[in-house]
Amino acid sequence: MAWRMPSETAPHERTWMAFPAEGFTLGETDAEREEGYATWTAVAHAVAEFEPVTMLVDPSELTRARRMLSEQIEIIEAPVDEFWMRDSGPTFVLDEERPGVLGAVDWVFNGWGAPAWAQWRKSAEHARIIAAHTGAELVSSALVNEGGGIHVDGEGTVLLTETVQLDPRRNPYLDKARVEAEMLRTIGASKAVWLPRGLTRDYDEFGTNGHVDIVATLVSPGRLLLHAQNDPEHPDHAVTNDLRAHLAGQTDAAGRSFEIIDIPAPSTLRDEEGFVDWSYVNHLVTNAGVVACGFGDEKADAEARAILADVYPGRRVVTVDARPLFDRGGGIHCITQQQPVVPTAAR
């Protein structure tokens, strides 16, 4: 077997999501819960403009999901507690030695380091549920990892963060070499590019401890899109400057230095909880489009759409207000997971 995770820009069969279920993440008040349902629904409908969407729905939420979701969105009944599909769901891979074979990497999911507030035991089964539904071959892994903690170029390069895969709450006995060996075995990554850290807000009690998918992404081999906080009043101004300098000295699996493209943060610096981590990096690439985060900043949202249209030529960029997602700990990329098209064997 030679598993390889395709780039997000490769053709998709569909996108997977999970519908919100009542609990800590969704919110305590009726207004908070309704906002959560509405935002997950808006993202699903935006993605469905470009490709099929399949939604896992907890039995307790079936009636609501059927009322809110359009008929074009497939619903599968399954237990749901946390509903960040990028992290609880499988990472899909293809077998380069066996055309026509889809794999689903089943990382260990422990709610981003098993914090006391997280409800994750039901959603830790999502990879196996989805693998069975798709007929994918399950690729079991003992690594505690989430899909939001990796980005690949499809040609052997993976972006990782030292504070995620080496987090003692996740993998207390692993070092870089062992993580890299598992990345090679499961997703075909022969070159790991380690970021020393993530954005400031992500280290709060309810953060992921440095997920890469709000910091940087590989838009194509040799090209890297990087979150840029240009206001020196925000602590991420220093963080992103340091990350830019660090990444400028790195190379990909083919030995290329990265062309780094900045995508500036919106103008808002703080919310009621402190400095925000609002990031346009946390978008989803679909078959013919890009579903981008919006933050109610007309100028910055438009600039982000222009940058995304430029780095993903031929794709239409649409914006969904992602502030309710970031209020709950993530963004559009975090709640979606692409399933690649499986190439058929040559006749």
C-alpha atoms as a PDB file:
ATOM      1  CA  MET A   1       0.000   0.000   0.000  1.00  0.00           C
ATOM      2  CA  ALA A   2       1.157   3.512  -0.830  1.00  0.00           C
ATOM      3  CA  TRP A   3      -1.344   5.908   0.684  1.00  0.00           C
ATOM      4  CA  ARG A   4      -1.316   9.558  -0.394  1.00  0.00           C
ATOM      5  CA  MET A   5      -3.514  12.429   0.696  1.00  0.00           C
ATOM      6  CA  PRO A   6      -4.429  14.503  -2.363  1.00  0.00           C
ATOM      7  CA  SER A   7      -4.284  18.265  -2.315  1.00  0.00           C
ATOM      8  CA  GLU A   8      -7.545  19.987  -1.403  1.00  0.00           C
ATOM      9  CA  THR A   9      -7.518  21.397  -4.940  1.00  0.00           C
ATOM     10  CA  ALA A  10      -7.816  17.886  -6.444  1.00  0.00           C
ATOM     11  CA  PRO A  11     -11.324  16.837  -7.604  1.00  0.00           C
ATOM     12  CA  HIS A  12     -13.798  16.035  -4.826  1.00  0.00           C
ATOM     13  CA  GLU A  13     -16.464  13.369  -4.711  1.00  0.00           C
ATOM     14  CA  ARG A  14     -18.222  15.318  -1.962  1.00  0.00           C
ATOM     15  CA  THR A  15     -17.775  17.258   1.283  1.00  0.00           C
ATOM     16  CA  TRP A  16     -18.668  15.808   4.688  1.00  0.00           C
ATOM     17  CA  MET A  17     -20.054  17.813   7.609  1.00  0.00           C
ATOM     18  CA  ALA A  18     -21.787  17.188  10.952  1.00  0.00           C
ATOM     19  CA  PHE A  19     -24.918  19.030  12.036  1.00  0.00           C
ATOM     20  CA  PRO A  20     -24.715  20.739  15.442  1.00  0.00           C
ATOM     21  CA  ALA A  21     -26.058  18.948  18.498  1.00  0.00           C
ATOM     22  CA  GLU A  22     -26.988  20.559  21.792  1.00  0.00           C
ATOM     23  CA  GLY A  23     -24.136  20.916  24.232  1.00  0.00           C
ATOM     24  CA  PHE A  24     -21.332  23.210  25.322  1.00  0.00           C
ATOM     25  CA  THR A  25     -20.077  24.093  21.841  1.00  0.00           C
ATOM     26  CA  LEU A  26     -23.461  25.026  20.391  1.00  0.00           C
ATOM     27  CA  GLY A  27     -24.291  27.475  23.170  1.00  0.00           C
ATOM     28  CA  GLU A  28     -26.294  27.937  26.338  1.00  0.00           C
ATOM     29  CA  THR A  29     -29.114  30.219  25.143  1.00  0.00           C
ATOM     30  CA  ASP A  30     -31.771  29.739  22.476  1.00  0.00           C
ATOM     31  CA  ALA A  31     -30.251  32.613  20.500  1.00  0.00           C
ATOM     32  CA  GLU A  32     -26.776  31.072  20.600  1.00  0.00           C
ATOM     33  CA  ARG A  33     -28.081  27.691  19.550  1.00  0.00           C
ATOM     34  CA  GLU A  34     -30.121  29.124  16.674  1.00  0.00           C
ATOM     35  CA  GLU A  35     -27.067  31.075  15.495  1.00  0.00           C
ATOM     36  CA  GLY A  36     -25.013  27.873  15.467  1.00  0.00           C
ATOM     37  CA  TYR A  37     -27.597  25.871  13.534  1.00  0.00           C
ATOM     38  CA  ALA A  38     -27.997  28.701  11.019  1.00  0.00           C
ATOM     39  CA  THR A  39     -24.267  29.090  10.409  1.00  0.00           C
ATOM     40  CA  TRP A  40     -23.551  25.383   9.883  1.00  0.00           C
ATOM     41  CA  THR A  41     -26.539  25.327   7.516  1.00  0.00           C
ATOM     42  CA  ALA A  42     -25.298  28.367   5.600  1.00  0.00           C
ATOM     43  CA  VAL A  43     -21.891  26.751   5.076  1.00  0.00           C
ATOM     44  CA  ALA A  44     -23.503  23.507   3.895  1.00  0.00           C
ATOM     45  CA  HIS A  45     -25.651  25.348   1.367  1.00  0.00           C
ATOM     46  CA  ALA A  46     -22.653  27.366   0.132  1.00  0.00           C
ATOM     47  CA  VAL A  47     -20.593  24.194  -0.410  1.00  0.00           C
ATOM     48  CA  ALA A  48     -23.559  22.499  -2.101  1.00  0.00           C
ATOM     49  CA  GLU A  49     -23.422  25.141  -4.846  1.00  0.00           C
ATOM     50  CA  PHE A  50     -20.211  23.446  -5.994  1.00  0.00           C
ATOM     51  CA  GLU A  51     -20.357  19.771  -4.970  1.00  0.00           C
ATOM     52  CA  PRO A  52     -22.444  17.203  -3.068  1.00  0.00           C
ATOM     53  CA  VAL A  53     -22.624  17.531   0.720  1.00  0.00           C
ATOM     54  CA  THR A  54     -23.300  14.703   3.167  1.00  0.00           C
ATOM     55  CA  MET A  55     -24.230  15.612   6.742  1.00  0.00           C
ATOM     56  CA  LEU A  56     -23.992  13.391   9.811  1.00  0.00           C
ATOM     57  CA  VAL A  57     -26.942  14.219  12.051  1.00  0.00           C
ATOM     58  CA  ASP A  58     -27.490  13.083  15.612  1.00  0.00           C
ATOM     59  CA  PRO A  59     -30.875  11.369  16.135  1.00  0.00           C
ATOM     60  CA  SER A  60     -31.898  14.212  18.471  1.00  0.00           C
ATOM     61  CA  GLU A  61     -31.464  16.743  15.645  1.00  0.00           C
ATOM     62  CA  LEU A  62     -33.010  14.899  12.680  1.00  0.00           C
ATOM     63  CA  THR A  63     -36.245  16.891  12.607  1.00  0.00           C
ATOM     64  CA  ARG A  64     -34.429  20.228  12.752  1.00  0.00           C
ATOM     65  CA  ALA A  65     -31.838  19.198  10.157  1.00  0.00           C
ATOM     66  CA  ARG A  66     -34.518  18.045   7.709  1.00  0.00           C
ATOM     67  CA  ARG A  67     -36.307  21.355   8.164  1.00  0.00           C
ATOM     68  CA  MET A  68     -33.230  23.556   7.736  1.00  0.00           C
ATOM     69  CA  LEU A  69     -31.205  21.710   5.102  1.00  0.00           C
ATOM     70  CA  SER A  70     -32.142  21.678   1.439  1.00  0.00           C
ATOM     71  CA  GLU A  71     -33.112  18.385  -0.142  1.00  0.00           C
ATOM     72  CA  GLN A  72     -29.864  18.256  -2.115  1.00  0.00           C
ATOM     73  CA  ILE A  73     -27.899  17.671   1.112  1.00  0.00           C
ATOM     74  CA  GLU A  74     -27.705  14.001   2.046  1.00  0.00           C
ATOM     75  CA  ILE A  75     -28.433  13.226   5.701  1.00  0.00           C
ATOM     76  CA  ILE A  76     -26.977  10.224   7.526  1.00  0.00           C
ATOM     77  CA  GLU A  77     -28.135   9.507  11.053  1.00  0.00           C
ATOM     78  CA  ALA A  78     -25.178   8.992  13.411  1.00  0.00           C
ATOM     79  CA  PRO A  79     -24.202   9.940  16.971  1.00  0.00           C
ATOM     80  CA  VAL A  80     -22.746  13.472  17.190  1.00  0.00           C
ATOM     81  CA  ASP A  81     -21.391  15.428  20.138  1.00  0.00           C
ATOM     82  CA  GLU A  82     -18.595  17.620  18.701  1.00  0.00           C
ATOM     83  CA  PHE A  83     -19.331  18.698  15.133  1.00  0.00           C
ATOM     84  CA  TRP A  84     -16.007  19.878  13.738  1.00  0.00           C
ATOM     85  CA  MET A  85     -15.830  17.330  10.927  1.00  0.00           C
ATOM     86  CA  ARG A  86     -12.311  18.282   9.848  1.00  0.00           C
ATOM     87  CA  ASP A  87     -11.062  17.053  13.214  1.00  0.00           C
ATOM     88  CA  SER A  88     -13.340  14.175  14.186  1.00  0.00           C
ATOM     89  CA  GLY A  89     -13.801  12.747  10.705  1.00  0.00           C
ATOM     90  CA  PRO A  90     -11.427  10.743   8.534  1.00  0.00           C
ATOM     91  CA  THR A  91      -8.604  12.094   6.431  1.00  0.00           C
ATOM     92  CA  PHE A  92      -9.191  10.571   3.004  1.00  0.00           C
ATOM     93  CA  VAL A  93      -6.289   9.068   1.074  1.00  0.00           C
ATOM     94  CA  LEU A  94      -5.755   7.241  -2.220  1.00  0.00           C
ATOM     95  CA  ASP A  95      -3.609   4.165  -2.825  1.00  0.00           C
ATOM     96  CA  GLU A  96      -1.112   4.909  -5.582  1.00  0.00           C
ATOM     97  CA  GLU A  97      -0.430   1.184  -6.040  1.00  0.00           C
ATOM     98  CA  ARG A  98      -4.101   0.229  -6.306  1.00  0.00           C
ATOM     99  CA  PRO A  99      -6.088   2.622  -8.514  1.00  0.00           C
ATOM    100  CA  GLY A 100      -9.710   2.746  -7.490  1.00  0.00           C
ATOM    101  CA  VAL A 101      -9.035   2.273  -3.758  1.00  0.00           C
ATOM    102  CA  LEU A 102     -10.131   4.936  -1.277  1.00  0.00           C
ATOM    103  CA  GLY A 103      -8.649   4.988   2.214  1.00  0.00           C
ATOM    104  CA  ALA A 104      -9.827   6.760   5.360  1.00  0.00           C
ATOM    105  CA  VAL A 105      -7.251   7.553   8.033  1.00  0.00           C
ATOM    106  CA  ASP A 106      -8.736   7.080  11.486  1.00  0.00           C
ATOM    107  CA  TRP A 107      -6.650   9.340  13.713  1.00  0.00           C
ATOM    108  CA  VAL A 108      -7.233   9.122  17.446  1.00  0.00           C
ATOM    109  CA  PHE A 109      -9.531  12.045  18.306  1.00  0.00           C
ATOM    110  CA  ASN A 110      -9.578  13.082  21.959  1.00  0.00           C
ATOM    111  CA  GLY A 111     -11.182  16.500  21.718  1.00  0.00           C
ATOM    112  CA  TRP A 112      -7.957  18.479  21.132  1.00  0.00           C
ATOM    113  CA  GLY A 113      -6.110  17.069  24.115  1.00  0.00           C
ATOM    114  CA  ALA A 114      -9.019  15.804  26.262  1.00  0.00           C
ATOM    115  CA  PRO A 115      -9.906  19.100  27.986  1.00  0.00           C
ATOM    116  CA  ALA A 116     -12.608  18.874  30.634  1.00  0.00           C
ATOM    117  CA  TRP A 117     -15.120  20.899  28.574  1.00  0.00           C
ATOM    118  CA  ALA A 118     -14.937  18.881  25.327  1.00  0.00           C
ATOM    119  CA  GLN A 119     -17.578  16.317  24.371  1.00  0.00           C
ATOM    120  CA  TRP A 120     -15.857  14.047  21.880  1.00  0.00           C
ATOM    121  CA  ARG A 121     -16.450  10.360  22.524  1.00  0.00           C
ATOM    122  CA  LYS A 122     -19.359  10.014  20.068  1.00  0.00           C
ATOM    123  CA  SER A 123     -17.580  11.958  17.346  1.00  0.00           C
ATOM    124  CA  ALA A 124     -14.417   9.919  17.813  1.00  0.00           C
ATOM    125  CA  GLU A 125     -16.340   7.216  15.921  1.00  0.00           C
ATOM    126  CA  HIS A 126     -16.981   9.394  12.860  1.00  0.00           C
ATOM    127  CA  ALA A 127     -14.014   8.171  10.841  1.00  0.00           C
ATOM    128  CA  ARG A 128     -15.156   4.569  11.136  1.00  0.00           C
ATOM    129  CA  ILE A 129     -18.799   5.435  10.432  1.00  0.00           C
ATOM    130  CA  ILE A 130     -17.880   7.374   7.296  1.00  0.00           C
ATOM    131  CA  ALA A 131     -15.374   4.762   6.109  1.00  0.00           C
ATOM    132  CA  ALA A 132     -18.073   2.119   6.309  1.00  0.00           C
ATOM    133  CA  HIS A 133     -20.557   4.312   4.450  1.00  0.00           C
ATOM    134  CA  THR A 134     -18.142   5.123   1.625  1.00  0.00           C
ATOM    135  CA  GLY A 135     -16.596   1.656   1.389  1.00  0.00           C
ATOM    136  CA  ALA A 136     -13.201   3.176   2.168  1.00  0.00           C
ATOM    137  CA  GLU A 137     -10.426   1.000   3.532  1.00  0.00           C
ATOM    138  CA  LEU A 138      -9.812   2.039   7.139  1.00  0.00           C
ATOM    139  CA  VAL A 139      -6.241   3.177   7.813  1.00  0.00           C
ATOM    140  CA  SER A 140      -5.912   2.924  11.590  1.00  0.00           C
ATOM    141  CA  SER A 141      -3.494   5.197  13.400  1.00  0.00           C
ATOM    142  CA  ALA A 142      -2.448   5.455  17.030  1.00  0.00           C
ATOM    143  CA  LEU A 143      -1.502   9.121  16.516  1.00  0.00           C
ATOM    144  CA  VAL A 144      -3.717  11.670  18.258  1.00  0.00           C
ATOM    145  CA  ASN A 145      -4.238  14.156  15.461  1.00  0.00           C
ATOM    146  CA  GLU A 146      -6.913  16.220  13.765  1.00  0.00           C
ATOM    147  CA  GLY A 147      -7.471  17.163  10.142  1.00  0.00           C
ATOM    148  CA  GLY A 148      -7.143  20.842  11.065  1.00  0.00           C
ATOM    149  CA  GLY A 149      -3.626  20.116  12.270  1.00  0.00           C
ATOM    150  CA  ILE A 150      -2.285  19.202   8.812  1.00  0.00           C
ATOM    151  CA  HIS A 151      -2.156  20.692   5.327  1.00  0.00           C
ATOM    152  CA  VAL A 152      -0.626  18.950   2.302  1.00  0.00           C
ATOM    153  CA  ASP A 153       0.355  19.815  -1.263  1.00  0.00           C
ATOM    154  CA  GLY A 154      -0.479  16.320  -2.559  1.00  0.00           C
ATOM    155  CA  GLU A 155       3.135  15.826  -3.627  1.00  0.00           C
ATOM    156  CA  GLY A 156       4.711  14.765  -0.349  1.00  0.00           C
ATOM    157  CA  THR A 157       4.760  17.947   1.744  1.00  0.00           C
ATOM    158  CA  VAL A 158       2.829  18.322   5.003  1.00  0.00           C
ATOM    159  CA  LEU A 159       2.556  21.335   7.300  1.00  0.00           C
ATOM    160  CA  LEU A 160       2.530  20.498  11.034  1.00  0.00           C
ATOM    161  CA  THR A 161       2.739  22.466  14.292  1.00  0.00           C
ATOM    162  CA  GLU A 162       5.069  21.515  17.138  1.00  0.00           C
ATOM    163  CA  THR A 163       2.426  22.416  19.727  1.00  0.00           C
ATOM    164  CA  VAL A 164      -0.207  20.120  18.147  1.00  0.00           C
ATOM    165  CA  GLN A 165       1.284  16.772  17.154  1.00  0.00           C
ATOM    166  CA  LEU A 166       3.893  17.033  19.958  1.00  0.00           C
ATOM    167  CA  ASP A 167       1.342  18.244  22.517  1.00  0.00           C
ATOM    168  CA  PRO A 168       1.829  16.171  25.698  1.00  0.00           C
ATOM    169  CA  ARG A 169      -1.968  16.029  26.100  1.00  0.00           C
ATOM    170  CA  ARG A 170      -2.133  14.330  22.707  1.00  0.00           C
ATOM    171  CA  ASN A 171       1.063  12.378  22.112  1.00  0.00           C
ATOM    172  CA  PRO A 172       3.211  12.522  25.268  1.00  0.00           C
ATOM    173  CA  TYR A 173       5.721   9.904  24.092  1.00  0.00           C
ATOM    174  CA  LEU A 174       6.308  10.972  20.497  1.00  0.00           C
ATOM    175  CA  ASP A 175       9.080  13.009  18.935  1.00  0.00           C
ATOM    176  CA  LYS A 176       9.266  14.588  15.479  1.00  0.00           C
ATOM    177  CA  ALA A 177      10.799  11.528  13.876  1.00  0.00           C
ATOM    178  CA  ARG A 178       7.978   9.246  15.011  1.00  0.00           C
ATOM    179  CA  VAL A 179       5.293  11.737  13.949  1.00  0.00           C
ATOM    180  CA  GLU A 180       6.952  12.117  10.556  1.00  0.00           C
ATOM    181  CA  ALA A 181       7.135   8.342  10.119  1.00  0.00           C
ATOM    182  CA  GLU A 182       3.388   8.104  10.780  1.00  0.00           C
ATOM    183  CA  MET A 183       2.683  10.935   8.320  1.00  0.00           C
ATOM    184  CA  LEU A 184       4.610   9.023   5.674  1.00  0.00           C
ATOM    185  CA  ARG A 185       2.766   5.775   6.406  1.00  0.00           C
ATOM    186  CA  THR A 186      -0.745   7.223   6.526  1.00  0.00           C
ATOM    187  CA  ILE A 187      -0.844  10.186   4.118  1.00  0.00           C
ATOM    188  CA  GLY A 188       2.318   9.720   2.042  1.00  0.00           C
ATOM    189  CA  ALA A 189       4.088  12.827   3.341  1.00  0.00           C
ATOM    190  CA  SER A 190       7.824  12.482   2.827  1.00  0.00           C
ATOM    191  CA  LYS A 191       8.670  16.021   4.005  1.00  0.00           C
ATOM    192  CA  ALA A 192       7.274  17.639   7.154  1.00  0.00           C
ATOM    193  CA  VAL A 193       7.475  21.398   7.517  1.00  0.00           C
ATOM    194  CA  TRP A 194       7.069  22.192  11.203  1.00  0.00           C
ATOM    195  CA  LEU A 195       5.640  25.489  12.390  1.00  0.00           C
ATOM    196  CA  PRO A 196       6.863  26.364  15.888  1.00  0.00           C
ATOM    197  CA  ARG A 197       3.418  27.615  16.980  1.00  0.00           C
ATOM    198  CA  GLY A 198      -0.009  28.831  15.917  1.00  0.00           C
ATOM    199  CA  LEU A 199      -2.079  31.975  16.536  1.00  0.00           C
ATOM    200  CA  THR A 200      -2.409  33.484  20.011  1.00  0.00           C
ATOM    201  CA  ARG A 201      -6.134  32.895  20.614  1.00  0.00           C
ATOM    202  CA  ASP A 202      -5.707  29.215  19.755  1.00  0.00           C
ATOM    203  CA  TYR A 203      -3.826  28.704  23.039  1.00  0.00           C
ATOM    204  CA  ASP A 204      -6.789  29.763  25.171  1.00  0.00           C
ATOM    205  CA  GLU A 205      -8.691  27.160  27.200  1.00  0.00           C
ATOM    206  CA  PHE A 206     -11.006  26.425  24.275  1.00  0.00           C
ATOM    207  CA  GLY A 207      -8.373  26.446  21.527  1.00  0.00           C
ATOM    208  CA  THR A 208      -6.666  23.660  19.596  1.00  0.00           C
ATOM    209  CA  ASN A 209      -3.132  24.603  20.700  1.00  0.00           C
ATOM    210  CA  GLY A 210      -1.992  25.730  17.274  1.00  0.00           C
ATOM    211  CA  HIS A 211      -3.895  24.223  14.351  1.00  0.00           C
ATOM    212  CA  VAL A 212      -2.182  25.048  11.094  1.00  0.00           C
ATOM    213  CA  ASP A 213      -5.408  25.558   9.149  1.00  0.00           C
ATOM    214  CA  ILE A 214      -5.939  29.062  10.526  1.00  0.00           C
ATOM    215  CA  VAL A 215      -2.278  29.968   9.954  1.00  0.00           C
ATOM    216  CA  ALA A 216      -1.052  28.673   6.597  1.00  0.00           C
ATOM    217  CA  THR A 217      -2.046  26.460   3.689  1.00  0.00           C
ATOM    218  CA  LEU A 218      -0.364  25.066   0.573  1.00  0.00           C
ATOM    219  CA  VAL A 219      -2.366  26.478  -2.324  1.00  0.00           C
ATOM    220  CA  SER A 220      -0.215  24.649  -4.878  1.00  0.00           C
ATOM    221  CA  PRO A 221       3.191  22.945  -4.839  1.00  0.00           C
ATOM    222  CA  GLY A 222       5.776  25.506  -3.789  1.00  0.00           C
ATOM    223  CA  ARG A 223       3.188  28.212  -2.929  1.00  0.00           C
ATOM    224  CA  LEU A 224       2.096  28.929   0.616  1.00  0.00           C
ATOM    225  CA  LEU A 225      -0.721  31.226   1.786  1.00  0.00           C
ATOM    226  CA  LEU A 226       0.031  32.775   5.178  1.00  0.00           C
ATOM    227  CA  HIS A 227      -2.168  34.666   7.644  1.00  0.00           C
ATOM    228  CA  ALA A 228      -0.808  38.184   8.075  1.00  0.00           C
ATOM    229  CA  GLN A 229      -1.727  40.295  11.083  1.00  0.00           C
ATOM    230  CA  ASN A 230      -0.507  43.730  10.056  1.00  0.00           C
ATOM    231  CA  ASP A 231      -1.571  45.667  13.168  1.00  0.00           C
ATOM    232  CA  PRO A 232       1.251  45.852  15.734  1.00  0.00           C
ATOM    233  CA  GLU A 233      -1.349  46.203  18.504  1.00  0.00           C
ATOM    234  CA  HIS A 234      -2.295  42.532  18.031  1.00  0.00           C
ATOM    235  CA  PRO A 235       0.059  39.871  19.469  1.00  0.00           C
ATOM    236  CA  ASP A 236      -0.228  37.891  16.224  1.00  0.00           C
ATOM    237  CA  HIS A 237       1.618  40.699  14.436  1.00  0.00           C
ATOM    238  CA  ALA A 238       4.858  39.400  15.955  1.00  0.00           C
ATOM    239  CA  VAL A 239       3.731  35.781  15.653  1.00  0.00           C
ATOM    240  CA  THR A 240       2.991  35.960  11.922  1.00  0.00           C
ATOM    241  CA  ASN A 241       6.158  37.943  11.192  1.00  0.00           C
ATOM    242  CA  ASP A 242       8.170  35.247  12.961  1.00  0.00           C
ATOM    243  CA  LEU A 243       6.313  32.492  11.100  1.00  0.00           C
ATOM    244  CA  ARG A 244       6.971  34.202   7.782  1.00  0.00           C
ATOM    245  CA  ALA A 245      10.703  34.367   8.524  1.00  0.00           C
ATOM    246  CA  HIS A 246      10.676  30.723   9.643  1.00  0.00           C
ATOM    247  CA  LEU A 247       8.811  29.472   6.559  1.00  0.00           C
ATOM    248  CA  ALA A 248      11.053  31.497   4.250  1.00  0.00           C
ATOM    249  CA  GLY A 249      13.893  29.202   5.316  1.00  0.00           C
ATOM    250  CA  GLN A 250      11.980  25.969   4.677  1.00  0.00           C
ATOM    251  CA  THR A 251      11.708  23.792   1.580  1.00  0.00           C
ATOM    252  CA  ASP A 252       9.055  21.373   0.333  1.00  0.00           C
ATOM    253  CA  ALA A 253       9.319  17.708  -0.628  1.00  0.00           C
ATOM    254  CA  ALA A 254      10.755  18.663  -4.021  1.00  0.00           C
ATOM    255  CA  GLY A 255      13.416  20.874  -2.434  1.00  0.00           C
ATOM    256  CA  ARG A 256      11.776  24.156  -3.465  1.00  0.00           C
ATOM    257  CA  SER A 257      11.761  27.259  -1.281  1.00  0.00           C
ATOM    258  CA  PHE A 258       8.230  28.527  -0.709  1.00  0.00           C
ATOM    259  CA  GLU A 259       6.671  31.461  -2.470  1.00  0.00           C
ATOM    260  CA  ILE A 260       4.816  33.015   0.478  1.00  0.00           C
ATOM    261  CA  ILE A 261       1.618  34.950  -0.208  1.00  0.00           C
ATOM    262  CA  ASP A 262       0.205  37.032   2.642  1.00  0.00           C
ATOM    263  CA  ILE A 263      -3.554  37.202   3.236  1.00  0.00           C
ATOM    264  CA  PRO A 264      -4.211  40.054   5.694  1.00  0.00           C
ATOM    265  CA  ALA A 265      -6.433  39.639   8.741  1.00  0.00           C
ATOM    266  CA  PRO A 266      -9.615  41.711   9.030  1.00  0.00           C
ATOM    267  CA  SER A 267      -9.424  45.006  10.913  1.00  0.00           C
ATOM    268  CA  THR A 268     -11.162  43.803  14.095  1.00  0.00           C
ATOM    269  CA  LEU A 269      -8.593  43.089  16.802  1.00  0.00           C
ATOM    270  CA  ARG A 270     -10.670  42.051  19.811  1.00  0.00           C
ATOM    271  CA  ASP A 271     -13.997  40.610  20.882  1.00  0.00           C
ATOM    272  CA  GLU A 272     -15.456  40.153  24.361  1.00  0.00           C
ATOM    273  CA  GLU A 273     -12.979  37.358  25.112  1.00  0.00           C
ATOM    274  CA  GLY A 274      -9.782  39.074  23.957  1.00  0.00           C
ATOM    275  CA  PHE A 275      -7.690  39.199  20.792  1.00  0.00           C
ATOM    276  CA  VAL A 276      -9.409  37.393  17.897  1.00  0.00           C
ATOM    277  CA  ASP A 277      -7.865  34.769  15.610  1.00  0.00           C
ATOM    278  CA  TRP A 278     -10.079  35.616  12.612  1.00  0.00           C
ATOM    279  CA  SER A 279      -8.326  34.228   9.558  1.00  0.00           C
ATOM    280  CA  TYR A 280      -9.101  33.975   5.847  1.00  0.00           C
ATOM    281  CA  VAL A 281      -6.698  31.029   5.622  1.00  0.00           C
ATOM    282  CA  ASN A 282      -9.494  28.872   7.060  1.00  0.00           C
ATOM    283  CA  HIS A 283     -11.391  28.457   3.758  1.00  0.00           C
ATOM    284  CA  LEU A 284     -12.556  25.349   1.901  1.00  0.00           C
ATOM    285  CA  VAL A 285     -11.519  24.703  -1.700  1.00  0.00           C
ATOM    286  CA  THR A 286     -14.295  22.960  -3.642  1.00  0.00           C
ATOM    287  CA  ASN A 287     -14.528  21.584  -7.172  1.00  0.00           C
ATOM    288  CA  ALA A 288     -15.330  24.873  -8.872  1.00  0.00           C
ATOM    289  CA  GLY A 289     -15.160  27.342  -6.036  1.00  0.00           C
ATOM    290  CA  VAL A 290     -13.822  28.477  -2.700  1.00  0.00           C
ATOM    291  CA  VAL A 291     -16.010  28.969   0.369  1.00  0.00           C
ATOM    292  CA  ALA A 292     -14.326  31.736   2.325  1.00  0.00           C
ATOM    293  CA  CYS A 293     -14.765  33.089   5.831  1.00  0.00           C
ATOM    294  CA  GLY A 294     -16.325  36.528   6.147  1.00  0.00           C
ATOM    295  CA  PHE A 295     -15.993  38.772   9.187  1.00  0.00           C
ATOM    296  CA  GLY A 296     -18.310  41.702   8.522  1.00  0.00           C
ATOM    297  CA  ASP A 297     -15.381  43.787   7.238  1.00  0.00           C
ATOM    298  CA  GLU A 298     -16.405  44.680   3.702  1.00  0.00           C
ATOM    299  CA  LYS A 299     -12.990  45.907   2.586  1.00  0.00           C
ATOM    300  CA  ALA A 300     -10.962  43.075   4.103  1.00  0.00           C
ATOM    301  CA  ASP A 301     -13.482  40.411   3.021  1.00  0.00           C
ATOM    302  CA  ALA A 302     -13.277  41.693  -0.564  1.00  0.00           C
ATOM    303  CA  GLU A 303      -9.475  41.771  -0.493  1.00  0.00           C
ATOM    304  CA  ALA A 304      -9.435  38.187   0.774  1.00  0.00           C
ATOM    305  CA  ARG A 305     -11.769  37.067  -2.011  1.00  0.00           C
ATOM    306  CA  ALA A 306      -9.478  38.682  -4.576  1.00  0.00           C
ATOM    307  CA  ILE A 307      -6.404  36.946  -3.167  1.00  0.00           C
ATOM    308  CA  LEU A 308      -8.176  33.583  -3.048  1.00  0.00           C
ATOM    309  CA  ALA A 309      -9.436  34.005  -6.621  1.00  0.00           C
ATOM    310  CA  ASP A 310      -5.868  34.701  -7.717  1.00  0.00           C
ATOM    311  CA  VAL A 311      -4.261  31.698  -5.973  1.00  0.00           C
ATOM    312  CA  TYR A 312      -7.078  29.345  -7.061  1.00  0.00           C
ATOM    313  CA  PRO A 313      -7.619  30.409 -10.693  1.00  0.00           C
ATOM    314  CA  GLY A 314     -10.854  29.326 -12.326  1.00  0.00           C
ATOM    315  CA  ARG A 315     -12.725  28.989  -9.030  1.00  0.00           C
ATOM    316  CA  ARG A 316     -15.570  31.255  -7.879  1.00  0.00           C
ATOM    317  CA  VAL A 317     -15.072  32.603  -4.354  1.00  0.00           C
ATOM    318  CA  VAL A 318     -18.091  33.025  -2.075  1.00  0.00           C
ATOM    319  CA  THR A 319     -18.155  34.334   1.488  1.00  0.00           C
ATOM    320  CA  VAL A 320     -20.093  33.050   4.500  1.00  0.00           C
ATOM    321  CA  ASP A 321     -20.087  34.991   7.782  1.00  0.00           C
ATOM    322  CA  ALA A 322     -17.772  32.886   9.941  1.00  0.00           C
ATOM    323  CA  ARG A 323     -17.873  34.922  13.139  1.00  0.00           C
ATOM    324  CA  PRO A 324     -20.297  32.484  14.826  1.00  0.00           C
ATOM    325  CA  LEU A 325     -17.877  29.664  13.947  1.00  0.00           C
ATOM    326  CA  PHE A 326     -14.847  31.442  15.356  1.00  0.00           C
ATOM    327  CA  ASP A 327     -16.857  32.304  18.482  1.00  0.00           C
ATOM    328  CA  ARG A 328     -17.164  28.540  18.981  1.00  0.00           C
ATOM    329  CA  GLY A 329     -13.530  27.746  18.218  1.00  0.00           C
ATOM    330  CA  GLY A 330     -13.047  27.306  14.471  1.00  0.00           C
ATOM    331  CA  GLY A 331     -13.936  28.278  10.925  1.00  0.00           C
ATOM    332  CA  ILE A 332     -15.260  26.962   7.626  1.00  0.00           C
ATOM    333  CA  HIS A 333     -12.341  24.615   7.000  1.00  0.00           C
ATOM    334  CA  CYS A 334     -12.779  23.190  10.506  1.00  0.00           C
ATOM    335  CA  ILE A 335     -16.374  22.038   9.936  1.00  0.00           C
ATOM    336  CA  THR A 336     -15.855  20.459   6.508  1.00  0.00           C
ATOM    337  CA  GLN A 337     -13.885  17.475   5.171  1.00  0.00           C
ATOM    338  CA  GLN A 338     -13.413  16.741   1.481  1.00  0.00           C
ATOM    339  CA  GLN A 339     -13.619  13.245  -0.002  1.00  0.00           C
ATOM    340  CA  PRO A 340     -11.486  12.996  -3.157  1.00  0.00           C
ATOM    341  CA  VAL A 341     -12.571  11.472  -6.423  1.00  0.00           C
ATOM    342  CA  VAL A 342     -11.039   8.005  -6.750  1.00  0.00           C
ATOM    343  CA  PRO A 343      -9.266   7.458 -10.065  1.00  0.00           C
ATOM    344  CA  THR A 344     -10.295   4.258 -11.792  1.00  0.00           C
ATOM    345  CA  ALA A 345      -7.837   1.656 -12.962  1.00  0.00           C
ATOM    346  CA  ALA A 346      -6.756   1.991 -16.589  1.00  0.00           C
ATOM    347  CA  ARG A 347      -8.435  -0.545 -18.837  1.00  0.00           C
END
